[in-house]
Amino acid sequence: MDTLVRHRPPKSEPMKISNYSKSRKIILIAGMVIAIINLLVIYPKEHSIASYISDYQWTFTSLGAAILLLLYGLTGPRFTQYLLFTFLNAILFASFWYIYSIWDTWSRLLVVFVGIPSGIITALVFFILRYVLFFRNKSLPVEKAQKNKLLLKQIILYIFLGLIVSILFIKGGDWWFDLFEQ
């Protein structure tokens, strides 16, 4: 009887869009189209009538849908891992903000309005910078000693991003609105 030879794909394949399936390419294109429509049509329309950042309901909804589609299109079968990391990051930052505001009852609202969004933004920016800085041109597996250095660099990047985003949010929840309103 013939022996069954199993083909194992390489552990790390370079991220090339040309290697993606047709459905992933369509999802990527849909995410880009939604993001462009959001930035060119929905945001300017809501900006003309908005008084507060909470008035941008359609902007945030369509931007969230575009980010989810782009994340799924780029990560493919690892989408749930990236989504889980984003969810856990939101919980982690909400916990940090809860500890920060434990002495003041009214400041516990920071957990919802600052902790969760800062966790999500940190995770999404971390995904982008992690790919650009560390994994863009990698086509071969990384050795064990280099993996530890790479992990340390990623942890430092993550902590740095978390601090930057938290500082931006501690200066006010409407920092984005204040920045572009002037």
C-alpha atoms as a PDB file:
ATOM      1  CA  MET A   1       0.000   0.000   0.000  1.00  0.00           C
ATOM      2  CA  ASP A   2       1.174   3.510  -0.726  1.00  0.00           C
ATOM      3  CA  THR A   3       2.160   5.665   2.163  1.00  0.00           C
ATOM      4  CA  LEU A   4       0.290   8.832   2.643  1.00  0.00           C
ATOM      5  CA  VAL A   5       2.541  11.865   2.439  1.00  0.00           C
ATOM      6  CA  ARG A   6       1.163  14.905   4.158  1.00  0.00           C
ATOM      7  CA  HIS A   7       2.047  18.295   2.843  1.00  0.00           C
ATOM      8  CA  ARG A   8       2.664  20.819   5.575  1.00  0.00           C
ATOM      9  CA  PRO A   9       2.517  24.453   4.635  1.00  0.00           C
ATOM     10  CA  PRO A  10       5.355  26.607   5.880  1.00  0.00           C
ATOM     11  CA  LYS A  11       4.805  28.054   9.344  1.00  0.00           C
ATOM     12  CA  SER A  12       5.120  31.636   8.209  1.00  0.00           C
ATOM     13  CA  GLU A  13       4.149  32.706   4.761  1.00  0.00           C
ATOM     14  CA  PRO A  14       4.796  36.219   3.523  1.00  0.00           C
ATOM     15  CA  MET A  15       1.718  38.390   3.577  1.00  0.00           C
ATOM     16  CA  LYS A  16       1.052  39.052  -0.095  1.00  0.00           C
ATOM     17  CA  ILE A  17      -2.376  40.090  -1.261  1.00  0.00           C
ATOM     18  CA  SER A  18      -1.780  38.232  -4.527  1.00  0.00           C
ATOM     19  CA  ASN A  19      -1.811  34.967  -2.510  1.00  0.00           C
ATOM     20  CA  TYR A  20      -5.224  35.695  -0.969  1.00  0.00           C
ATOM     21  CA  SER A  21      -8.373  33.913  -2.066  1.00  0.00           C
ATOM     22  CA  LYS A  22     -10.937  35.707  -4.196  1.00  0.00           C
ATOM     23  CA  SER A  23     -13.371  36.055  -1.295  1.00  0.00           C
ATOM     24  CA  ARG A  24     -10.711  37.671   0.920  1.00  0.00           C
ATOM     25  CA  LYS A  25      -9.856  40.120  -1.853  1.00  0.00           C
ATOM     26  CA  ILE A  26     -13.545  41.030  -2.211  1.00  0.00           C
ATOM     27  CA  ILE A  27     -13.831  41.548   1.555  1.00  0.00           C
ATOM     28  CA  LEU A  28     -10.721  43.770   1.494  1.00  0.00           C
ATOM     29  CA  ILE A  29     -12.139  45.833  -1.371  1.00  0.00           C
ATOM     30  CA  ALA A  30     -15.499  46.154   0.420  1.00  0.00           C
ATOM     31  CA  GLY A  31     -13.735  47.342   3.576  1.00  0.00           C
ATOM     32  CA  MET A  32     -11.742  49.925   1.626  1.00  0.00           C
ATOM     33  CA  VAL A  33     -14.863  51.164  -0.213  1.00  0.00           C
ATOM     34  CA  ILE A  34     -16.807  51.526   3.052  1.00  0.00           C
ATOM     35  CA  ALA A  35     -13.868  53.384   4.635  1.00  0.00           C
ATOM     36  CA  ILE A  36     -13.572  55.755   1.656  1.00  0.00           C
ATOM     37  CA  ILE A  37     -17.333  56.423   1.622  1.00  0.00           C
ATOM     38  CA  ASN A  38     -17.150  57.038   5.355  1.00  0.00           C
ATOM     39  CA  LEU A  39     -14.305  59.522   5.067  1.00  0.00           C
ATOM     40  CA  LEU A  40     -15.567  61.347   1.966  1.00  0.00           C
ATOM     41  CA  VAL A  41     -19.354  61.347   2.429  1.00  0.00           C
ATOM     42  CA  ILE A  42     -20.594  60.334   5.880  1.00  0.00           C
ATOM     43  CA  TYR A  43     -18.025  62.144   8.045  1.00  0.00           C
ATOM     44  CA  PRO A  44     -18.319  65.545   6.275  1.00  0.00           C
ATOM     45  CA  LYS A  45     -22.123  65.370   6.392  1.00  0.00           C
ATOM     46  CA  GLU A  46     -22.181  64.558  10.113  1.00  0.00           C
ATOM     47  CA  HIS A  47     -19.409  67.071  10.826  1.00  0.00           C
ATOM     48  CA  SER A  48     -21.514  69.899   9.425  1.00  0.00           C
ATOM     49  CA  ILE A  49     -24.321  69.242  11.937  1.00  0.00           C
ATOM     50  CA  ALA A  50     -22.415  67.779  14.927  1.00  0.00           C
ATOM     51  CA  SER A  51     -21.930  69.577  18.201  1.00  0.00           C
ATOM     52  CA  TYR A  52     -20.345  66.731  20.181  1.00  0.00           C
ATOM     53  CA  ILE A  53     -18.392  63.625  19.371  1.00  0.00           C
ATOM     54  CA  SER A  54     -21.436  61.510  20.249  1.00  0.00           C
ATOM     55  CA  ASP A  55     -23.230  63.001  17.216  1.00  0.00           C
ATOM     56  CA  TYR A  56     -21.047  60.958  14.858  1.00  0.00           C
ATOM     57  CA  GLN A  57     -23.130  57.777  15.067  1.00  0.00           C
ATOM     58  CA  TRP A  58     -23.036  56.763  11.389  1.00  0.00           C
ATOM     59  CA  THR A  59     -19.367  57.657  11.120  1.00  0.00           C
ATOM     60  CA  PHE A  60     -18.400  55.328  13.956  1.00  0.00           C
ATOM     61  CA  THR A  61     -20.734  52.566  12.787  1.00  0.00           C
ATOM     62  CA  SER A  62     -19.443  52.556   9.212  1.00  0.00           C
ATOM     63  CA  LEU A  63     -15.848  52.955  10.365  1.00  0.00           C
ATOM     64  CA  GLY A  64     -16.264  49.974  12.694  1.00  0.00           C
ATOM     65  CA  ALA A  65     -17.720  47.880   9.863  1.00  0.00           C
ATOM     66  CA  ALA A  66     -14.868  48.895   7.557  1.00  0.00           C
ATOM     67  CA  ILE A  67     -12.254  48.035  10.181  1.00  0.00           C
ATOM     68  CA  LEU A  68     -13.828  44.625  10.824  1.00  0.00           C
ATOM     69  CA  LEU A  69     -13.944  43.846   7.108  1.00  0.00           C
ATOM     70  CA  LEU A  70     -10.349  44.983   6.603  1.00  0.00           C
ATOM     71  CA  LEU A  71      -9.207  43.031   9.641  1.00  0.00           C
ATOM     72  CA  TYR A  72     -10.910  39.887   8.381  1.00  0.00           C
ATOM     73  CA  GLY A  73      -9.567  40.404   4.876  1.00  0.00           C
ATOM     74  CA  LEU A  74      -6.005  40.856   6.091  1.00  0.00           C
ATOM     75  CA  THR A  75      -5.928  38.188   8.793  1.00  0.00           C
ATOM     76  CA  GLY A  76      -8.128  35.518   7.215  1.00  0.00           C
ATOM     77  CA  PRO A  77      -8.235  32.372   9.349  1.00  0.00           C
ATOM     78  CA  ARG A  78      -6.607  34.190  12.291  1.00  0.00           C
ATOM     79  CA  PHE A  79      -9.431  36.742  12.449  1.00  0.00           C
ATOM     80  CA  THR A  80     -10.829  35.347  15.697  1.00  0.00           C
ATOM     81  CA  GLN A  81      -7.406  35.555  17.363  1.00  0.00           C
ATOM     82  CA  TYR A  82      -7.041  39.203  16.387  1.00  0.00           C
ATOM     83  CA  LEU A  83     -10.611  39.947  17.457  1.00  0.00           C
ATOM     84  CA  LEU A  84     -10.032  38.192  20.785  1.00  0.00           C
ATOM     85  CA  PHE A  85      -6.825  40.208  21.317  1.00  0.00           C
ATOM     86  CA  THR A  86      -8.762  43.423  20.636  1.00  0.00           C
ATOM     87  CA  PHE A  87     -11.521  42.397  23.062  1.00  0.00           C
ATOM     88  CA  LEU A  88      -9.044  41.438  25.799  1.00  0.00           C
ATOM     89  CA  ASN A  89      -7.149  44.665  25.202  1.00  0.00           C
ATOM     90  CA  ALA A  90     -10.366  46.650  25.755  1.00  0.00           C
ATOM     91  CA  ILE A  91     -10.953  44.749  29.013  1.00  0.00           C
ATOM     92  CA  LEU A  92      -7.336  45.317  30.104  1.00  0.00           C
ATOM     93  CA  PHE A  93      -7.486  49.057  29.484  1.00  0.00           C
ATOM     94  CA  ALA A  94     -10.903  49.298  31.143  1.00  0.00           C
ATOM     95  CA  SER A  95      -9.358  47.592  34.194  1.00  0.00           C
ATOM     96  CA  PHE A  96      -6.437  50.017  34.204  1.00  0.00           C
ATOM     97  CA  TRP A  97      -8.798  52.976  34.019  1.00  0.00           C
ATOM     98  CA  TYR A  98     -10.947  51.490  36.779  1.00  0.00           C
ATOM     99  CA  ILE A  99      -7.893  51.229  39.045  1.00  0.00           C
ATOM    100  CA  TYR A 100      -6.914  54.788  38.078  1.00  0.00           C
ATOM    101  CA  SER A 101     -10.357  56.119  39.027  1.00  0.00           C
ATOM    102  CA  ILE A 102     -11.154  53.873  42.006  1.00  0.00           C
ATOM    103  CA  TRP A 103     -11.280  56.726  44.541  1.00  0.00           C
ATOM    104  CA  ASP A 104     -13.804  58.871  42.696  1.00  0.00           C
ATOM    105  CA  THR A 105     -17.312  57.556  42.016  1.00  0.00           C
ATOM    106  CA  TRP A 106     -17.955  59.802  39.012  1.00  0.00           C
ATOM    107  CA  SER A 107     -14.606  59.037  37.466  1.00  0.00           C
ATOM    108  CA  ARG A 108     -15.590  55.402  37.078  1.00  0.00           C
ATOM    109  CA  LEU A 109     -17.364  56.516  33.919  1.00  0.00           C
ATOM    110  CA  LEU A 110     -13.865  56.786  32.494  1.00  0.00           C
ATOM    111  CA  VAL A 111     -13.854  53.002  32.284  1.00  0.00           C
ATOM    112  CA  VAL A 112     -16.596  53.037  29.671  1.00  0.00           C
ATOM    113  CA  PHE A 113     -15.863  56.247  27.816  1.00  0.00           C
ATOM    114  CA  VAL A 114     -12.070  56.150  27.887  1.00  0.00           C
ATOM    115  CA  GLY A 115     -10.841  52.689  28.875  1.00  0.00           C
ATOM    116  CA  ILE A 116     -12.625  50.607  26.266  1.00  0.00           C
ATOM    117  CA  PRO A 117     -12.011  52.898  23.244  1.00  0.00           C
ATOM    118  CA  SER A 118      -8.362  53.413  24.188  1.00  0.00           C
ATOM    119  CA  GLY A 119      -7.913  49.636  24.408  1.00  0.00           C
ATOM    120  CA  ILE A 120      -9.467  49.086  20.992  1.00  0.00           C
ATOM    121  CA  ILE A 121      -7.471  51.882  19.356  1.00  0.00           C
ATOM    122  CA  THR A 122      -4.242  50.621  20.926  1.00  0.00           C
ATOM    123  CA  ALA A 123      -4.885  47.112  19.608  1.00  0.00           C
ATOM    124  CA  LEU A 124      -5.666  48.276  16.067  1.00  0.00           C
ATOM    125  CA  VAL A 125      -2.651  50.584  15.860  1.00  0.00           C
ATOM    126  CA  PHE A 126      -0.505  47.811  17.340  1.00  0.00           C
ATOM    127  CA  PHE A 127      -1.639  45.403  14.598  1.00  0.00           C
ATOM    128  CA  ILE A 128      -0.636  47.869  11.898  1.00  0.00           C
ATOM    129  CA  LEU A 129       2.719  48.877  13.395  1.00  0.00           C
ATOM    130  CA  ARG A 130       3.576  45.284  14.321  1.00  0.00           C
ATOM    131  CA  TYR A 131       3.131  44.220  10.718  1.00  0.00           C
ATOM    132  CA  VAL A 132       4.953  47.206   9.229  1.00  0.00           C
ATOM    133  CA  LEU A 133       7.889  47.158  11.639  1.00  0.00           C
ATOM    134  CA  PHE A 134       8.420  43.451  12.231  1.00  0.00           C
ATOM    135  CA  PHE A 135       6.702  41.158   9.738  1.00  0.00           C
ATOM    136  CA  ARG A 136       6.412  42.935   6.392  1.00  0.00           C
ATOM    137  CA  ASN A 137       9.421  41.341   4.697  1.00  0.00           C
ATOM    138  CA  LYS A 138       9.655  38.105   6.644  1.00  0.00           C
ATOM    139  CA  SER A 139       9.339  34.973   4.550  1.00  0.00           C
ATOM    140  CA  LEU A 140      11.435  32.536   6.576  1.00  0.00           C
ATOM    141  CA  PRO A 141      10.858  31.240  10.099  1.00  0.00           C
ATOM    142  CA  VAL A 142      12.617  33.179  12.853  1.00  0.00           C
ATOM    143  CA  GLU A 143      15.146  31.461  15.129  1.00  0.00           C
ATOM    144  CA  LYS A 144      14.373  31.003  18.835  1.00  0.00           C
ATOM    145  CA  ALA A 145      16.905  33.585  20.077  1.00  0.00           C
ATOM    146  CA  GLN A 146      15.601  36.161  17.635  1.00  0.00           C
ATOM    147  CA  LYS A 147      11.997  35.355  18.592  1.00  0.00           C
ATOM    148  CA  ASN A 148      12.680  36.417  22.178  1.00  0.00           C
ATOM    149  CA  LYS A 149      14.161  39.742  21.028  1.00  0.00           C
ATOM    150  CA  LEU A 150      11.264  40.209  18.619  1.00  0.00           C
ATOM    151  CA  LEU A 151       8.749  39.511  21.390  1.00  0.00           C
ATOM    152  CA  LEU A 152      10.476  41.991  23.700  1.00  0.00           C
ATOM    153  CA  LYS A 153      10.380  44.667  20.982  1.00  0.00           C
ATOM    154  CA  GLN A 154       6.672  44.010  20.411  1.00  0.00           C
ATOM    155  CA  ILE A 155       5.920  44.262  24.134  1.00  0.00           C
ATOM    156  CA  ILE A 156       7.794  47.569  24.332  1.00  0.00           C
ATOM    157  CA  LEU A 157       5.877  48.840  21.287  1.00  0.00           C
ATOM    158  CA  TYR A 158       2.581  47.756  22.847  1.00  0.00           C
ATOM    159  CA  ILE A 159       3.305  49.493  26.170  1.00  0.00           C
ATOM    160  CA  PHE A 160       4.454  52.641  24.367  1.00  0.00           C
ATOM    161  CA  LEU A 161       1.302  52.734  22.235  1.00  0.00           C
ATOM    162  CA  GLY A 162      -0.870  52.117  25.283  1.00  0.00           C
ATOM    163  CA  LEU A 163       0.736  55.049  27.089  1.00  0.00           C
ATOM    164  CA  ILE A 164       0.382  57.386  24.099  1.00  0.00           C
ATOM    165  CA  VAL A 165      -3.279  56.518  23.518  1.00  0.00           C
ATOM    166  CA  SER A 166      -4.064  56.759  27.241  1.00  0.00           C
ATOM    167  CA  ILE A 167      -2.394  60.178  27.467  1.00  0.00           C
ATOM    168  CA  LEU A 168      -4.419  61.365  24.492  1.00  0.00           C
ATOM    169  CA  PHE A 169      -7.624  60.126  26.098  1.00  0.00           C
ATOM    170  CA  ILE A 170      -6.825  61.493  29.567  1.00  0.00           C
ATOM    171  CA  LYS A 171      -6.524  64.971  28.057  1.00  0.00           C
ATOM    172  CA  GLY A 172     -10.193  64.726  27.139  1.00  0.00           C
ATOM    173  CA  GLY A 173     -12.580  62.309  25.463  1.00  0.00           C
ATOM    174  CA  ASP A 174     -13.272  64.794  22.682  1.00  0.00           C
ATOM    175  CA  TRP A 175      -9.614  65.244  21.737  1.00  0.00           C
ATOM    176  CA  TRP A 176     -10.303  64.171  18.159  1.00  0.00           C
ATOM    177  CA  PHE A 177     -13.158  66.678  17.867  1.00  0.00           C
ATOM    178  CA  ASP A 178     -11.080  69.414  19.525  1.00  0.00           C
ATOM    179  CA  LEU A 179      -8.123  68.693  17.272  1.00  0.00           C
ATOM    180  CA  PHE A 180     -10.039  69.078  14.001  1.00  0.00           C
ATOM    181  CA  GLU A 181     -12.527  71.698  15.127  1.00  0.00           C
ATOM    182  CA  GLN A 182      -9.888  74.435  15.410  1.00  0.00           C
END
